[in-house]
Amino acid sequence: MFKITFVVPFTFLTGGIRVIAELCCQLKRMGHSATMVSPRMRYKDKSVSIRYLKTARYFLLRRFSLDPIGYYKDCKIMMVPEISDSYVPDADVVFATAYRTAYWVNALSDSKGEKYYYIQHYEVWGDARKEDVDATWKMPLKKIVIAPWLKELGEEKFGERIYGLIPDGINRDLFFNRAKVFHDPVVLGMIYRENLEWKGMDDGFRAIDIVREKYPQVRVLILGDGRNPKIPAYAEYRVGKRQRRVREFYSDCDIFIFPSWYEGFGLPPMEAMACKCAVASTDVGAVGHYGIDGRTVLLSQPRDPEALAANICRLIQDRALLRKISFAGHEHISRFTWERAAEQLVGVLKSQRD
């Protein structure tokens, strides 16, 4: 059995943090000890924006709740003053989980465990400096990635050995649809991400506009996080981050639209497939690897709203194809589980111990 520490930059439930929480829960069920360790206060560098500090303060006042609905209540979390030898527990293995945490883990003593880097994206956006991100790929940390493109990046761009490729899983207790309903008119759905240009929101809305020119009767649902949305008047806007609300959103949609320019992995299309949505997505992250174009998902190139719209129109005009993609996607994506991901992770650790 392994004693494992995951160093995370914060504990509010972003996609990347949820991935680590899922792994911790599965590892515990397998008999291992897995702990998430996070600093009580966020980054000390001066590049942090005022907007981020306000967000961090909000979550500090919420007492760093990892999961308001309690699903991850079994996930052990340690809040510490800082990530240093004084506060991080000794373990067999310690993981960095984001580029800033790689600096912290790299500075820890060997007693904290063999050092790994669980890479979920190439984090060159926002306040991050490319040279700082790139430097983490060259650190003496054993790299594990979640998507084939990250494996290629590590090996070809940085000349690094990648010790494991472990795709994310889907939590079927959170994402399911036991009574699929196909609507007439068809319901389109998209998740709204404010101030993240690379999520392709403008492309998504442009694709919807093109579709509505041909099929003006379609309904449009947008799921957001509660901020003031800049969305068209024709769309129905819903607020909710809790998994039940997200599952209900997916289940109410016939077609889920994912217009992102690039992703580390791309969890939302996987979640939508688990809820029996037909997915029209850009070919980003791992979507083209966990989805099969034309069989379980329809793919188009990023930054091409016309091609995205064409795929949406295919699904609207061919209801047999819509049903086929919906059910085939659901069946196919059930193979990707967090149990399998945790088993693969332990397999990597065992191979390095032997």
Protein backbone atom coordinates (compact mmCIF):
# COMPACT_ATOMS: atom_id res chain seq x y z
CA MET A 1 0.00 0.00 0.00
CA PHE A 2 1.13 3.54 -0.75
CA LYS A 3 0.99 6.68 1.32
CA ILE A 4 0.38 9.44 -1.22
CA THR A 5 0.28 13.23 -0.95
CA PHE A 6 -1.28 15.44 -3.62
CA VAL A 7 -0.20 19.08 -3.31
CA VAL A 8 -2.96 21.31 -4.69
CA PRO A 9 -2.95 25.11 -5.03
CA PHE A 10 -6.44 25.51 -3.50
CA THR A 11 -9.47 23.36 -2.69
CA PHE A 12 -12.46 24.93 -4.41
CA LEU A 13 -13.90 22.59 -6.94
CA THR A 14 -12.42 23.40 -10.33
CA GLY A 15 -12.12 20.62 -12.89
CA GLY A 16 -8.48 19.96 -12.03
CA ILE A 17 -9.15 19.78 -8.30
CA ARG A 18 -12.10 17.47 -8.88
CA VAL A 19 -9.82 15.10 -10.79
CA ILE A 20 -7.50 14.87 -7.80
CA ALA A 21 -10.43 14.45 -5.40
CA GLU A 22 -11.79 11.57 -7.49
CA LEU A 23 -8.40 9.87 -7.46
CA CYS A 24 -8.07 10.33 -3.70
CA CYS A 25 -11.47 8.73 -3.12
CA GLN A 26 -10.64 5.75 -5.32
CA LEU A 27 -7.20 5.28 -3.81
CA LYS A 28 -8.73 5.21 -0.34
CA ARG A 29 -11.22 2.54 -1.47
CA MET A 30 -8.26 0.50 -2.74
CA GLY A 31 -6.66 0.65 0.71
CA HIS A 32 -4.06 3.33 0.07
CA SER A 33 -3.60 6.52 2.07
CA ALA A 34 -4.18 9.62 -0.05
CA THR A 35 -4.17 13.20 1.24
CA MET A 36 -4.70 16.52 -0.51
CA VAL A 37 -2.50 19.24 0.99
CA SER A 38 -3.23 22.89 0.23
CA PRO A 39 -1.86 26.20 1.54
CA ARG A 40 -4.33 28.27 3.53
CA MET A 41 -3.38 31.35 1.53
CA ARG A 42 -2.78 31.30 -2.21
CA TYR A 43 0.28 32.18 -4.20
CA LYS A 44 2.84 34.61 -2.83
CA ASP A 45 4.07 35.86 -6.21
CA LYS A 46 3.16 39.33 -7.39
CA SER A 47 1.57 38.17 -10.63
CA VAL A 48 -1.71 37.25 -8.93
CA SER A 49 -4.48 39.58 -10.05
CA ILE A 50 -6.70 41.57 -7.69
CA ARG A 51 -9.68 39.75 -9.18
CA TYR A 52 -8.17 36.41 -8.21
CA LEU A 53 -7.43 37.58 -4.68
CA LYS A 54 -11.06 38.60 -4.28
CA THR A 55 -12.12 35.17 -5.49
CA ALA A 56 -9.69 33.51 -3.09
CA ARG A 57 -11.06 35.61 -0.22
CA TYR A 58 -14.60 34.49 -1.09
CA PHE A 59 -13.63 30.85 -0.86
CA LEU A 60 -11.62 31.50 2.31
CA LEU A 61 -14.80 32.81 3.92
CA ARG A 62 -16.53 29.62 2.78
CA ARG A 63 -13.89 27.71 4.77
CA PHE A 64 -12.42 26.12 1.70
CA SER A 65 -15.36 23.79 1.15
CA LEU A 66 -14.20 21.20 -1.36
CA ASP A 67 -17.67 19.94 -2.07
CA PRO A 68 -20.86 21.64 -0.86
CA ILE A 69 -22.96 18.51 -1.45
CA GLY A 70 -20.58 16.28 0.46
CA TYR A 71 -19.77 13.78 -2.27
CA TYR A 72 -16.04 14.06 -1.57
CA LYS A 73 -16.44 13.98 2.19
CA ASP A 74 -14.13 10.95 2.40
CA CYS A 75 -11.31 12.83 0.70
CA LYS A 76 -8.72 13.76 3.32
CA ILE A 77 -7.66 17.41 3.11
CA MET A 78 -4.93 19.20 5.05
CA MET A 79 -4.87 22.99 5.08
CA VAL A 80 -1.37 24.17 6.02
CA PRO A 81 0.28 27.59 6.41
CA GLU A 82 2.61 26.87 3.50
CA ILE A 83 3.93 24.01 1.41
CA SER A 84 7.21 23.22 3.11
CA ASP A 85 8.94 20.41 4.99
CA SER A 86 7.51 21.74 8.24
CA TYR A 87 3.92 21.11 7.21
CA VAL A 88 3.79 18.49 4.43
CA PRO A 89 3.59 14.95 5.88
CA ASP A 90 6.14 12.27 5.10
CA ALA A 91 4.86 9.86 2.45
CA ASP A 92 5.91 7.33 -0.17
CA VAL A 93 4.93 9.61 -3.04
CA VAL A 94 4.21 13.33 -3.36
CA PHE A 95 2.50 14.81 -6.42
CA ALA A 96 2.55 18.30 -7.86
CA THR A 97 -0.81 18.88 -9.56
CA ALA A 98 -0.40 22.28 -11.24
CA TYR A 99 2.59 24.22 -12.48
CA ARG A 100 2.92 26.45 -9.41
CA THR A 101 2.78 23.45 -7.11
CA ALA A 102 5.67 21.91 -9.07
CA TYR A 103 7.95 24.60 -7.60
CA TRP A 104 6.76 23.75 -4.10
CA VAL A 105 7.11 19.97 -4.51
CA ASN A 106 10.52 20.30 -6.14
CA ALA A 107 11.77 22.12 -3.03
CA LEU A 108 10.60 19.44 -0.57
CA SER A 109 13.02 17.01 1.04
CA ASP A 110 13.15 13.37 -0.01
CA SER A 111 11.34 12.30 3.17
CA LYS A 112 8.11 13.72 1.72
CA GLY A 113 8.12 11.01 -0.91
CA GLU A 114 9.25 10.27 -4.44
CA LYS A 115 8.37 13.34 -6.46
CA TYR A 116 5.84 13.19 -9.29
CA TYR A 117 4.09 15.78 -11.45
CA TYR A 118 0.47 15.04 -12.43
CA ILE A 119 0.15 17.23 -15.52
CA GLN A 120 -3.38 18.17 -16.55
CA HIS A 121 -2.68 20.99 -19.00
CA TYR A 122 0.01 23.17 -20.54
CA GLU A 123 -0.84 26.10 -18.31
CA VAL A 124 0.25 29.06 -20.44
CA TRP A 125 -2.68 31.41 -19.88
CA GLY A 126 -3.82 34.19 -17.58
CA ASP A 127 -1.06 35.49 -15.32
CA ALA A 128 1.24 32.54 -15.96
CA ARG A 129 4.51 33.26 -17.72
CA LYS A 130 5.43 30.74 -20.38
CA GLU A 131 9.02 30.49 -19.17
CA ASP A 132 7.82 29.66 -15.65
CA VAL A 133 5.49 26.94 -16.94
CA ASP A 134 8.15 25.48 -19.24
CA ALA A 135 10.66 25.34 -16.40
CA THR A 136 8.42 22.94 -14.48
CA TRP A 137 8.57 20.42 -17.32
CA LYS A 138 12.35 20.26 -16.89
CA MET A 139 12.27 19.74 -13.12
CA PRO A 140 13.41 16.34 -11.77
CA LEU A 141 9.83 15.24 -11.15
CA LYS A 142 8.41 12.08 -12.70
CA LYS A 143 5.75 13.16 -15.15
CA ILE A 144 2.31 11.60 -15.54
CA VAL A 145 -0.13 13.14 -18.04
CA ILE A 146 -3.85 12.80 -18.73
CA ALA A 147 -3.95 13.18 -22.52
CA PRO A 148 -1.94 11.99 -25.53
CA TRP A 149 -1.16 15.53 -26.67
CA LEU A 150 0.47 16.26 -23.31
CA LYS A 151 2.56 13.12 -23.66
CA GLU A 152 3.72 14.27 -27.09
CA LEU A 153 4.45 17.75 -25.73
CA GLY A 154 6.55 16.37 -22.89
CA GLU A 155 8.53 14.02 -25.09
CA GLU A 156 8.95 16.14 -28.23
CA LYS A 157 9.12 19.70 -26.91
CA PHE A 158 10.86 19.09 -23.59
CA GLY A 159 12.62 15.78 -24.17
CA GLU A 160 11.17 14.37 -20.96
CA ARG A 161 10.20 10.82 -20.13
CA ILE A 162 6.49 10.43 -19.47
CA TYR A 163 5.96 7.70 -16.90
CA GLY A 164 2.23 7.32 -17.41
CA LEU A 165 -0.71 8.39 -19.58
CA ILE A 166 -3.83 8.18 -17.42
CA PRO A 167 -7.08 9.46 -18.96
CA ASP A 168 -9.65 11.02 -16.66
CA GLY A 169 -12.75 9.04 -15.77
CA ILE A 170 -16.45 9.70 -15.43
CA ASN A 171 -18.27 9.43 -12.13
CA ARG A 172 -21.43 7.53 -12.98
CA ASP A 173 -22.92 8.27 -9.56
CA LEU A 174 -22.89 11.98 -10.50
CA PHE A 175 -23.46 11.95 -14.25
CA PHE A 176 -26.28 9.78 -15.58
CA ASN A 177 -29.66 9.96 -17.29
CA ARG A 178 -32.01 7.11 -16.47
CA ALA A 179 -34.91 8.42 -18.56
CA LYS A 180 -33.60 10.02 -21.74
CA VAL A 181 -36.06 12.37 -23.46
CA PHE A 182 -35.58 13.72 -26.99
CA HIS A 183 -37.20 17.10 -27.43
CA ASP A 184 -39.09 18.68 -30.31
CA PRO A 185 -37.89 21.30 -31.03
CA VAL A 186 -34.34 20.20 -30.31
CA VAL A 187 -32.59 21.66 -27.25
CA LEU A 188 -29.00 22.88 -27.64
CA GLY A 189 -26.80 23.34 -24.57
CA MET A 190 -23.50 25.07 -23.86
CA ILE A 191 -21.56 25.93 -20.69
CA TYR A 192 -20.70 29.62 -20.35
CA ARG A 193 -17.17 30.55 -19.27
CA GLU A 194 -16.60 34.26 -18.73
CA ASN A 195 -13.22 35.89 -19.38
CA LEU A 196 -11.67 32.73 -20.82
CA GLU A 197 -11.34 33.50 -24.51
CA TRP A 198 -9.82 30.10 -25.25
CA LYS A 199 -13.06 28.41 -24.22
CA GLY A 200 -14.42 29.61 -27.59
CA MET A 201 -17.63 31.22 -26.33
CA ASP A 202 -17.84 33.61 -29.28
CA ASP A 203 -17.41 30.69 -31.68
CA GLY A 204 -20.10 28.75 -29.86
CA PHE A 205 -22.60 31.60 -30.07
CA ARG A 206 -21.70 32.20 -33.72
CA ALA A 207 -22.36 28.52 -34.46
CA ILE A 208 -25.73 28.74 -32.68
CA ASP A 209 -26.62 31.85 -34.68
CA ILE A 210 -25.89 29.97 -37.90
CA VAL A 211 -28.02 27.03 -36.74
CA ARG A 212 -30.91 29.33 -35.77
CA GLU A 213 -30.93 30.86 -39.24
CA LYS A 214 -31.87 27.41 -40.57
CA TYR A 215 -33.76 26.12 -37.53
CA PRO A 216 -35.17 29.17 -35.71
CA GLN A 217 -37.36 27.02 -33.47
CA VAL A 218 -34.47 25.37 -31.55
CA ARG A 219 -34.21 26.04 -27.83
CA VAL A 220 -30.89 27.09 -26.31
CA LEU A 221 -29.83 26.44 -22.71
CA ILE A 222 -26.73 28.07 -21.23
CA LEU A 223 -25.27 26.98 -17.89
CA GLY A 224 -23.13 29.55 -16.05
CA ASP A 225 -21.63 30.27 -12.66
CA GLY A 226 -23.79 33.19 -11.58
CA ARG A 227 -21.87 36.15 -12.93
CA ASN A 228 -23.53 38.66 -15.25
CA PRO A 229 -23.71 36.69 -18.47
CA LYS A 230 -23.21 38.23 -21.88
CA ILE A 231 -25.50 35.89 -23.73
CA PRO A 232 -28.12 36.38 -26.46
CA ALA A 233 -31.68 37.13 -25.43
CA TYR A 234 -32.96 33.94 -27.09
CA ALA A 235 -31.07 31.69 -24.65
CA GLU A 236 -32.34 30.38 -21.34
CA TYR A 237 -29.67 30.99 -18.72
CA ARG A 238 -29.24 28.68 -15.75
CA VAL A 239 -26.96 29.09 -12.76
CA GLY A 240 -25.34 26.20 -10.98
CA LYS A 241 -22.02 24.52 -10.25
CA ARG A 242 -23.22 21.73 -8.02
CA GLN A 243 -23.06 18.41 -9.77
CA ARG A 244 -26.79 17.77 -9.51
CA ARG A 245 -27.53 21.01 -11.34
CA VAL A 246 -24.93 20.23 -13.99
CA ARG A 247 -26.35 16.74 -14.49
CA GLU A 248 -29.87 18.18 -14.86
CA PHE A 249 -28.57 20.64 -17.44
CA TYR A 250 -26.96 17.90 -19.54
CA SER A 251 -30.07 15.71 -19.23
CA ASP A 252 -32.28 18.54 -20.50
CA CYS A 253 -30.17 18.97 -23.64
CA ASP A 254 -30.36 16.98 -26.86
CA ILE A 255 -27.08 18.36 -28.23
CA PHE A 256 -24.16 19.59 -26.14
CA ILE A 257 -21.87 22.12 -27.82
CA PHE A 258 -18.21 22.36 -26.84
CA PRO A 259 -16.43 25.12 -28.84
CA SER A 260 -13.12 25.31 -26.94
CA TRP A 261 -9.86 26.24 -28.70
CA TYR A 262 -7.74 23.95 -26.52
CA GLU A 263 -8.09 21.84 -23.37
CA GLY A 264 -5.91 19.71 -21.18
CA PHE A 265 -8.48 16.93 -21.32
CA GLY A 266 -12.02 18.22 -21.82
CA LEU A 267 -14.30 16.78 -19.14
CA PRO A 268 -17.64 18.41 -20.10
CA PRO A 269 -18.16 16.43 -23.35
CA MET A 270 -17.47 13.24 -21.37
CA GLU A 271 -20.01 14.25 -18.72
CA ALA A 272 -22.56 15.14 -21.40
CA MET A 273 -22.07 11.76 -23.09
CA ALA A 274 -22.64 10.03 -19.76
CA CYS A 275 -25.97 11.90 -19.59
CA LYS A 276 -26.90 10.68 -23.10
CA CYS A 277 -26.33 13.97 -24.90
CA ALA A 278 -25.21 13.97 -28.50
CA VAL A 279 -21.96 15.97 -28.46
CA ALA A 280 -20.77 18.39 -31.13
CA SER A 281 -17.26 19.40 -30.06
CA THR A 282 -14.05 20.84 -31.33
CA ASP A 283 -11.22 18.33 -31.57
CA VAL A 284 -9.29 19.52 -28.52
CA GLY A 285 -7.62 17.95 -25.50
CA ALA A 286 -8.50 14.26 -25.30
CA VAL A 287 -11.97 14.55 -26.85
CA GLY A 288 -10.78 12.94 -30.08
CA HIS A 289 -9.32 10.05 -28.08
CA TYR A 290 -12.17 9.22 -25.72
CA GLY A 291 -14.70 10.01 -28.47
CA ILE A 292 -14.96 8.42 -31.92
CA ASP A 293 -15.78 10.98 -34.60
CA GLY A 294 -18.97 10.09 -36.45
CA ARG A 295 -19.85 7.29 -34.05
CA THR A 296 -19.93 8.63 -30.49
CA VAL A 297 -19.31 12.35 -31.10
CA LEU A 298 -19.15 14.81 -34.01
CA LEU A 299 -15.86 16.73 -34.16
CA SER A 300 -14.74 19.89 -35.95
CA GLN A 301 -11.55 21.94 -35.83
CA PRO A 302 -11.20 24.74 -33.25
CA ARG A 303 -12.00 28.32 -34.31
CA ASP A 304 -14.29 27.13 -37.09
CA PRO A 305 -17.86 28.00 -36.02
CA GLU A 306 -19.20 27.21 -39.47
CA ALA A 307 -17.98 23.60 -39.25
CA LEU A 308 -19.30 23.32 -35.68
CA ALA A 309 -22.68 24.63 -36.87
CA ALA A 310 -22.71 22.12 -39.72
CA ASN A 311 -22.32 19.25 -37.25
CA ILE A 312 -25.12 20.61 -35.08
CA CYS A 313 -27.35 20.88 -38.15
CA ARG A 314 -26.56 17.27 -39.08
CA LEU A 315 -27.87 16.14 -35.72
CA ILE A 316 -31.00 18.30 -35.95
CA GLN A 317 -31.99 17.21 -39.44
CA ASP A 318 -31.18 13.51 -38.89
CA ARG A 319 -32.99 12.40 -35.76
CA ALA A 320 -31.78 8.83 -36.23
CA LEU A 321 -28.18 10.08 -36.13
CA LEU A 322 -29.00 12.16 -33.05
CA ARG A 323 -30.27 9.08 -31.23
CA LYS A 324 -27.39 6.94 -32.45
CA ILE A 325 -24.72 9.40 -31.24
CA SER A 326 -26.54 9.90 -27.93
CA PHE A 327 -26.73 6.21 -27.01
CA ALA A 328 -23.43 5.13 -28.58
CA GLY A 329 -21.63 7.95 -26.77
CA HIS A 330 -23.18 6.92 -23.46
CA GLU A 331 -22.20 3.29 -23.92
CA HIS A 332 -18.66 4.09 -25.06
CA ILE A 333 -17.87 6.58 -22.31
CA SER A 334 -18.87 4.12 -19.57
CA ARG A 335 -15.50 2.45 -20.14
CA PHE A 336 -13.70 5.46 -18.70
CA THR A 337 -13.93 5.17 -14.93
CA TRP A 338 -12.10 6.68 -11.98
CA GLU A 339 -11.53 3.13 -10.71
CA ARG A 340 -9.53 2.40 -13.85
CA ALA A 341 -7.63 5.70 -13.56
CA ALA A 342 -6.64 4.96 -9.95
CA GLU A 343 -5.56 1.42 -10.86
CA GLN A 344 -3.39 2.80 -13.66
CA LEU A 345 -1.85 5.32 -11.28
CA VAL A 346 -0.98 2.64 -8.75
CA GLY A 347 0.46 0.54 -11.58
CA VAL A 348 2.85 3.37 -12.47
CA LEU A 349 3.92 3.75 -8.84
CA LYS A 350 4.48 0.01 -8.45
CA SER A 351 6.56 -0.13 -11.62
CA GLN A 352 8.88 2.52 -10.20
CA ARG A 353 9.13 0.78 -6.84
CA ASP A 354 10.07 -2.62 -8.33
